[in-house]
Amino acid sequence: MKSLPDAYLPLLAFIRPARARTDVWRVFLVWMGFEAGFAITPLLVSPFIDDRWPDALLEVLNYAGFGLDLIIILILVRLLHKRGLGSLIGPRPAFWRDLRRVLLAVSLVLLIQQPFDLAGDAEFLTRAPLGHWLGWLAPAFLAIALQVTTEEVYFRGYLTQQLAAVDLRRRVWLVIPSVYFGFSHLLNGAGLAEGALWAVWAAMLGAACADLTARTGNLGAAIGLHLGNNLFAALILGFAGQPGAGLTLFVLPEGAYIENTAGIAALLSPMTLVDLAYAALGVLVMWLAARVAVRA
């Protein structure tokens, strides 16, 4: 088996619970079960949701719905691998320590960065009522934390562990789950170019989270980085009339970045390339802040 760089040695302890059952068919069934659950749960929940409810409530429920997917993952892993949540997140003291440190570090970086991001669009921005925004902060935080935890437990917990237990090459345990994570975001955009931006950005974020998991031997740093990013993305800036704007403090008019929603030619447009470079820089800065926070 290929040896790991010294910085990734904590990964060996993290994947130890996965070594008992590394059969491909088990991983395949978990993957199929997760994808089926991810597709079915909105259909199960939607009859109980009224579109006339406030947008903020609908957004919170959308994020909280990931809790059903987390339950599905935990049931499948228990049935097929005979292990539970603790084996997927790593040692709890280190998990909570790294989560707090990275969430704080990434939040500080984004607090500094966000005013510069908003300044260029200041003339187009409208602000939501501050009292309304503050009133939804706590439920939004909990719901987004549930969404992030679900994704990290599956992609950087289960998949990273099972793949690394078979093959320690980074192209296997880091690249494959990250590309898969990226493709799962492809439909988030309003068009091909915007969807591609989402996918590439998500793959980069996934790689950063996988790297942090290997360096720390637990999911705390990965969840901290992912949660910090998603909180700011969900709570600071949205587009009027688009999903996700119900919880944001600032709102841009719909279609403000319409050049990113065009067809395949837009993938090579200067604006798309600039957005891609900016997204890569953003992930790099958060990853560096996280590494400093956990001294890895």
Protein backbone atom coordinates (compact mmCIF):
# COMPACT_ATOMS: atom_id res chain seq x y z
CA MET A 1 0.00 0.00 0.00
CA LYS A 2 1.32 3.44 -0.92
CA SER A 3 2.65 5.44 2.03
CA LEU A 4 1.24 8.82 3.00
CA PRO A 5 3.06 12.13 3.39
CA ASP A 6 3.76 12.91 7.05
CA ALA A 7 1.11 15.66 7.03
CA TYR A 8 -1.55 13.06 6.21
CA LEU A 9 -0.61 10.44 8.80
CA PRO A 10 -3.68 11.31 10.96
CA LEU A 11 -5.75 9.87 8.11
CA LEU A 12 -4.59 6.36 9.05
CA ALA A 13 -6.35 6.50 12.41
CA PHE A 14 -9.41 8.13 10.83
CA ILE A 15 -9.91 5.30 8.32
CA ARG A 16 -9.27 2.47 10.79
CA PRO A 17 -13.00 1.82 11.42
CA ALA A 18 -13.52 1.37 7.68
CA ARG A 19 -10.93 -1.37 7.28
CA ALA A 20 -13.17 -4.09 8.72
CA ARG A 21 -15.57 -4.03 5.76
CA THR A 22 -14.13 -2.68 2.52
CA ASP A 23 -16.25 -4.67 0.04
CA VAL A 24 -17.12 -2.66 -3.06
CA TRP A 25 -20.71 -3.91 -3.02
CA ARG A 26 -21.25 -2.35 0.41
CA VAL A 27 -20.06 1.05 -0.80
CA PHE A 28 -22.19 0.69 -3.91
CA LEU A 29 -25.31 0.00 -1.86
CA VAL A 30 -24.66 2.97 0.43
CA TRP A 31 -24.14 5.18 -2.63
CA MET A 32 -27.35 3.93 -4.26
CA GLY A 33 -29.27 4.33 -1.03
CA PHE A 34 -28.00 7.86 -0.49
CA GLU A 35 -28.81 8.96 -4.03
CA ALA A 36 -32.26 7.38 -3.86
CA GLY A 37 -32.95 9.01 -0.51
CA PHE A 38 -31.70 12.37 -1.76
CA ALA A 39 -34.11 12.14 -4.69
CA ILE A 40 -37.09 10.86 -2.72
CA THR A 41 -37.02 12.93 0.47
CA PRO A 42 -38.18 16.19 -1.23
CA LEU A 43 -41.14 14.27 -2.66
CA LEU A 44 -42.02 12.97 0.79
CA VAL A 45 -41.75 16.38 2.42
CA SER A 46 -43.31 18.60 -0.25
CA PRO A 47 -46.96 17.61 0.45
CA PHE A 48 -46.59 19.04 3.96
CA ILE A 49 -45.14 22.38 2.78
CA ASP A 50 -47.21 25.33 1.64
CA ASP A 51 -45.61 27.67 -0.90
CA ARG A 52 -47.50 30.54 0.70
CA TRP A 53 -45.34 30.25 3.82
CA PRO A 54 -42.68 32.96 4.30
CA ASP A 55 -39.60 32.55 2.10
CA ALA A 56 -37.34 32.44 5.15
CA LEU A 57 -39.27 29.50 6.61
CA LEU A 58 -39.14 27.65 3.29
CA GLU A 59 -35.37 28.17 3.14
CA VAL A 60 -34.88 26.87 6.68
CA LEU A 61 -37.01 23.81 5.95
CA ASN A 62 -35.06 23.19 2.75
CA TYR A 63 -31.78 23.09 4.65
CA ALA A 64 -33.26 21.12 7.54
CA GLY A 65 -34.48 18.49 5.08
CA PHE A 66 -30.92 17.26 4.83
CA GLY A 67 -31.47 15.76 8.26
CA LEU A 68 -33.50 13.01 6.58
CA ASP A 69 -30.55 12.26 4.31
CA LEU A 70 -28.26 12.08 7.34
CA ILE A 71 -30.57 9.54 8.95
CA ILE A 72 -30.48 7.48 5.74
CA ILE A 73 -26.68 7.55 5.68
CA LEU A 74 -26.41 6.48 9.31
CA ILE A 75 -28.91 3.63 8.84
CA LEU A 76 -27.09 2.35 5.74
CA VAL A 77 -23.67 2.54 7.38
CA ARG A 78 -25.00 0.75 10.46
CA LEU A 79 -26.61 -2.01 8.40
CA LEU A 80 -23.80 -2.52 5.89
CA HIS A 81 -20.68 -1.64 7.91
CA LYS A 82 -21.80 -2.18 11.52
CA ARG A 83 -20.60 1.24 12.67
CA GLY A 84 -22.12 4.55 13.69
CA LEU A 85 -21.70 8.31 13.63
CA GLY A 86 -18.73 8.35 15.98
CA SER A 87 -16.68 6.28 13.56
CA LEU A 88 -17.48 8.73 10.74
CA ILE A 89 -16.47 11.97 12.48
CA GLY A 90 -13.35 10.90 14.38
CA PRO A 91 -12.40 11.46 18.04
CA ARG A 92 -14.97 13.82 19.57
CA PRO A 93 -12.68 16.12 21.61
CA ALA A 94 -10.53 16.83 18.55
CA PHE A 95 -13.63 17.08 16.36
CA TRP A 96 -15.26 19.80 18.47
CA ARG A 97 -11.97 21.65 19.00
CA ASP A 98 -11.15 21.77 15.29
CA LEU A 99 -14.71 22.67 14.32
CA ARG A 100 -14.74 25.70 16.67
CA ARG A 101 -11.31 26.90 15.64
CA VAL A 102 -11.87 26.62 11.90
CA LEU A 103 -15.38 28.06 11.98
CA LEU A 104 -14.04 31.09 13.84
CA ALA A 105 -11.03 31.50 11.53
CA VAL A 106 -13.04 31.18 8.32
CA SER A 107 -15.75 33.50 9.65
CA LEU A 108 -13.17 36.17 10.46
CA VAL A 109 -11.71 35.90 6.96
CA LEU A 110 -15.15 36.21 5.38
CA LEU A 111 -16.10 39.11 7.65
CA ILE A 112 -13.11 40.98 6.30
CA GLN A 113 -13.75 39.92 2.71
CA GLN A 114 -17.51 40.46 2.46
CA PRO A 115 -17.53 44.29 2.58
CA PHE A 116 -15.18 44.34 -0.44
CA ASP A 117 -17.42 41.86 -2.27
CA LEU A 118 -20.51 43.95 -1.60
CA ALA A 119 -18.88 47.30 -2.40
CA GLY A 120 -18.87 46.68 -6.15
CA ASP A 121 -22.63 46.07 -6.16
CA ALA A 122 -23.55 48.70 -3.57
CA GLU A 123 -25.71 50.75 -5.93
CA PHE A 124 -27.87 47.70 -6.78
CA LEU A 125 -28.25 46.28 -3.27
CA THR A 126 -31.36 46.40 -1.17
CA ARG A 127 -31.32 45.41 2.49
CA ALA A 128 -33.79 43.15 4.20
CA PRO A 129 -35.35 44.45 7.45
CA LEU A 130 -32.69 43.95 10.11
CA GLY A 131 -35.12 42.66 12.71
CA HIS A 132 -36.47 40.04 10.31
CA TRP A 133 -32.94 38.92 9.41
CA LEU A 134 -31.84 38.67 13.05
CA GLY A 135 -34.98 36.76 13.94
CA TRP A 136 -34.13 33.98 11.50
CA LEU A 137 -30.42 33.71 12.36
CA ALA A 138 -30.70 30.96 14.98
CA PRO A 139 -32.97 28.57 13.03
CA ALA A 140 -30.98 29.26 9.85
CA PHE A 141 -27.71 28.46 11.63
CA LEU A 142 -29.04 25.16 12.95
CA ALA A 143 -30.57 24.14 9.61
CA ILE A 144 -27.44 25.02 7.61
CA ALA A 145 -25.28 23.21 10.16
CA LEU A 146 -27.43 20.13 9.61
CA GLN A 147 -27.04 20.41 5.84
CA VAL A 148 -23.26 20.82 6.06
CA THR A 149 -22.88 17.98 8.56
CA THR A 150 -24.84 15.64 6.29
CA GLU A 151 -22.65 16.41 3.29
CA GLU A 152 -19.40 16.13 5.24
CA VAL A 153 -20.38 12.89 6.95
CA TYR A 154 -21.11 11.34 3.56
CA PHE A 155 -18.42 12.80 1.30
CA ARG A 156 -15.47 13.41 3.65
CA GLY A 157 -16.48 10.91 6.30
CA TYR A 158 -17.89 7.77 4.73
CA LEU A 159 -16.51 7.97 1.18
CA THR A 160 -13.06 9.22 2.15
CA GLN A 161 -12.74 6.51 4.78
CA GLN A 162 -13.92 3.65 2.59
CA LEU A 163 -11.82 4.68 -0.42
CA ALA A 164 -8.68 5.37 1.61
CA ALA A 165 -9.07 2.04 3.40
CA VAL A 166 -8.58 0.41 -0.02
CA ASP A 167 -6.15 2.82 -1.69
CA LEU A 168 -4.18 5.62 -0.02
CA ARG A 169 -3.42 7.49 -3.23
CA ARG A 170 -4.86 11.01 -3.13
CA ARG A 171 -6.44 10.59 -6.55
CA VAL A 172 -8.68 7.97 -4.96
CA TRP A 173 -9.75 9.23 -1.53
CA LEU A 174 -9.43 12.99 -2.20
CA VAL A 175 -10.14 13.52 -5.90
CA ILE A 176 -12.99 11.05 -6.51
CA PRO A 177 -15.29 12.25 -3.67
CA SER A 178 -14.45 15.89 -4.49
CA VAL A 179 -15.38 15.52 -8.18
CA TYR A 180 -18.54 13.65 -7.17
CA PHE A 181 -19.35 16.46 -4.73
CA GLY A 182 -18.78 18.99 -7.52
CA PHE A 183 -21.11 17.22 -9.94
CA SER A 184 -23.82 17.13 -7.27
CA HIS A 185 -23.90 20.95 -7.50
CA LEU A 186 -24.12 21.13 -11.30
CA LEU A 187 -27.84 21.91 -11.32
CA ASN A 188 -27.53 24.72 -8.77
CA GLY A 189 -26.90 27.25 -11.53
CA ALA A 190 -29.48 28.92 -13.73
CA GLY A 191 -27.62 27.90 -16.89
CA LEU A 192 -24.70 25.83 -18.15
CA ALA A 193 -21.94 28.29 -17.33
CA GLU A 194 -23.33 29.12 -13.90
CA GLY A 195 -23.85 25.41 -13.18
CA ALA A 196 -20.27 24.67 -14.23
CA LEU A 197 -19.04 27.40 -11.89
CA TRP A 198 -20.99 25.81 -9.06
CA ALA A 199 -19.58 22.37 -9.86
CA VAL A 200 -15.95 23.50 -10.10
CA TRP A 201 -16.23 25.61 -6.96
CA ALA A 202 -17.81 22.72 -5.03
CA ALA A 203 -15.10 20.31 -6.20
CA MET A 204 -12.42 22.73 -4.98
CA LEU A 205 -14.19 23.16 -1.65
CA GLY A 206 -14.52 19.38 -1.35
CA ALA A 207 -10.80 18.91 -2.00
CA ALA A 208 -9.96 21.52 0.65
CA CYS A 209 -12.23 19.75 3.17
CA ALA A 210 -10.75 16.33 2.32
CA ASP A 211 -7.24 17.71 2.77
CA LEU A 212 -8.15 19.13 6.20
CA THR A 213 -9.74 15.83 7.20
CA ALA A 214 -6.56 13.96 6.33
CA ARG A 215 -4.40 16.47 8.20
CA THR A 216 -6.50 16.37 11.38
CA GLY A 217 -7.94 12.85 11.45
CA ASN A 218 -11.48 14.08 12.07
CA LEU A 219 -14.31 15.97 10.36
CA GLY A 220 -14.25 19.03 12.62
CA ALA A 221 -12.07 21.23 10.40
CA ALA A 222 -13.96 20.22 7.24
CA ILE A 223 -17.34 21.01 8.79
CA GLY A 224 -15.99 24.28 10.20
CA LEU A 225 -14.76 25.45 6.79
CA HIS A 226 -17.88 24.28 4.96
CA LEU A 227 -20.22 25.74 7.58
CA GLY A 228 -18.48 29.12 7.61
CA ASN A 229 -18.70 29.31 3.84
CA ASN A 230 -22.35 28.26 3.66
CA LEU A 231 -23.46 30.57 6.46
CA PHE A 232 -22.07 33.61 4.69
CA ALA A 233 -23.35 32.42 1.30
CA ALA A 234 -26.85 31.83 2.64
CA LEU A 235 -27.18 34.77 4.99
CA ILE A 236 -25.41 37.70 3.36
CA LEU A 237 -26.21 38.06 -0.36
CA GLY A 238 -29.03 36.69 -2.52
CA PHE A 239 -30.84 37.40 -5.78
CA ALA A 240 -34.42 38.63 -5.77
CA GLY A 241 -36.88 35.98 -6.91
CA GLN A 242 -34.29 33.20 -6.68
CA PRO A 243 -34.05 30.33 -4.16
CA GLY A 244 -31.83 31.28 -1.26
CA ALA A 245 -32.81 34.95 -1.02
CA GLY A 246 -35.27 34.43 1.83
CA LEU A 247 -32.58 34.48 4.53
CA THR A 248 -30.07 36.98 3.12
CA LEU A 249 -29.41 40.42 4.55
CA PHE A 250 -28.66 41.97 1.15
CA VAL A 251 -30.46 41.28 -2.12
CA LEU A 252 -29.41 41.93 -5.73
CA PRO A 253 -31.98 42.30 -8.52
CA GLU A 254 -32.75 39.10 -10.43
CA GLY A 255 -30.48 38.61 -13.44
CA ALA A 256 -27.68 40.83 -12.11
CA TYR A 257 -25.14 38.30 -13.38
CA ILE A 258 -27.09 37.10 -16.39
CA GLU A 259 -23.93 36.60 -18.47
CA ASN A 260 -23.19 33.51 -16.39
CA THR A 261 -26.48 31.84 -17.29
CA ALA A 262 -25.92 31.62 -21.06
CA GLY A 263 -25.02 28.53 -23.10
CA ILE A 264 -21.75 26.69 -23.60
CA ALA A 265 -19.98 29.71 -25.13
CA ALA A 266 -20.31 31.46 -21.77
CA LEU A 267 -17.96 28.90 -20.22
CA LEU A 268 -15.06 30.69 -21.91
CA SER A 269 -16.32 34.23 -21.47
CA PRO A 270 -14.00 36.62 -19.60
CA MET A 271 -16.56 37.09 -16.81
CA THR A 272 -16.89 33.35 -16.24
CA LEU A 273 -13.13 32.89 -16.13
CA VAL A 274 -12.79 35.80 -13.70
CA ASP A 275 -15.52 34.32 -11.51
CA LEU A 276 -13.77 30.94 -11.57
CA ALA A 277 -10.43 32.47 -10.57
CA TYR A 278 -12.13 34.42 -7.80
CA ALA A 279 -13.86 31.28 -6.54
CA ALA A 280 -10.55 29.41 -6.48
CA LEU A 281 -8.91 32.25 -4.57
CA GLY A 282 -11.76 32.27 -2.07
CA VAL A 283 -11.40 28.54 -1.37
CA LEU A 284 -7.61 28.91 -1.09
CA VAL A 285 -7.89 31.69 1.49
CA MET A 286 -10.41 29.76 3.60
CA TRP A 287 -8.26 26.63 3.41
CA LEU A 288 -5.17 28.53 4.53
CA ALA A 289 -7.11 30.12 7.41
CA ALA A 290 -8.32 26.68 8.45
CA ARG A 291 -4.81 25.24 8.37
CA VAL A 292 -3.52 28.06 10.54
CA ALA A 293 -6.41 27.50 12.96
CA VAL A 294 -5.63 23.81 13.43
CA ARG A 295 -1.86 24.25 12.97
CA ALA A 296 -1.79 21.61 10.23
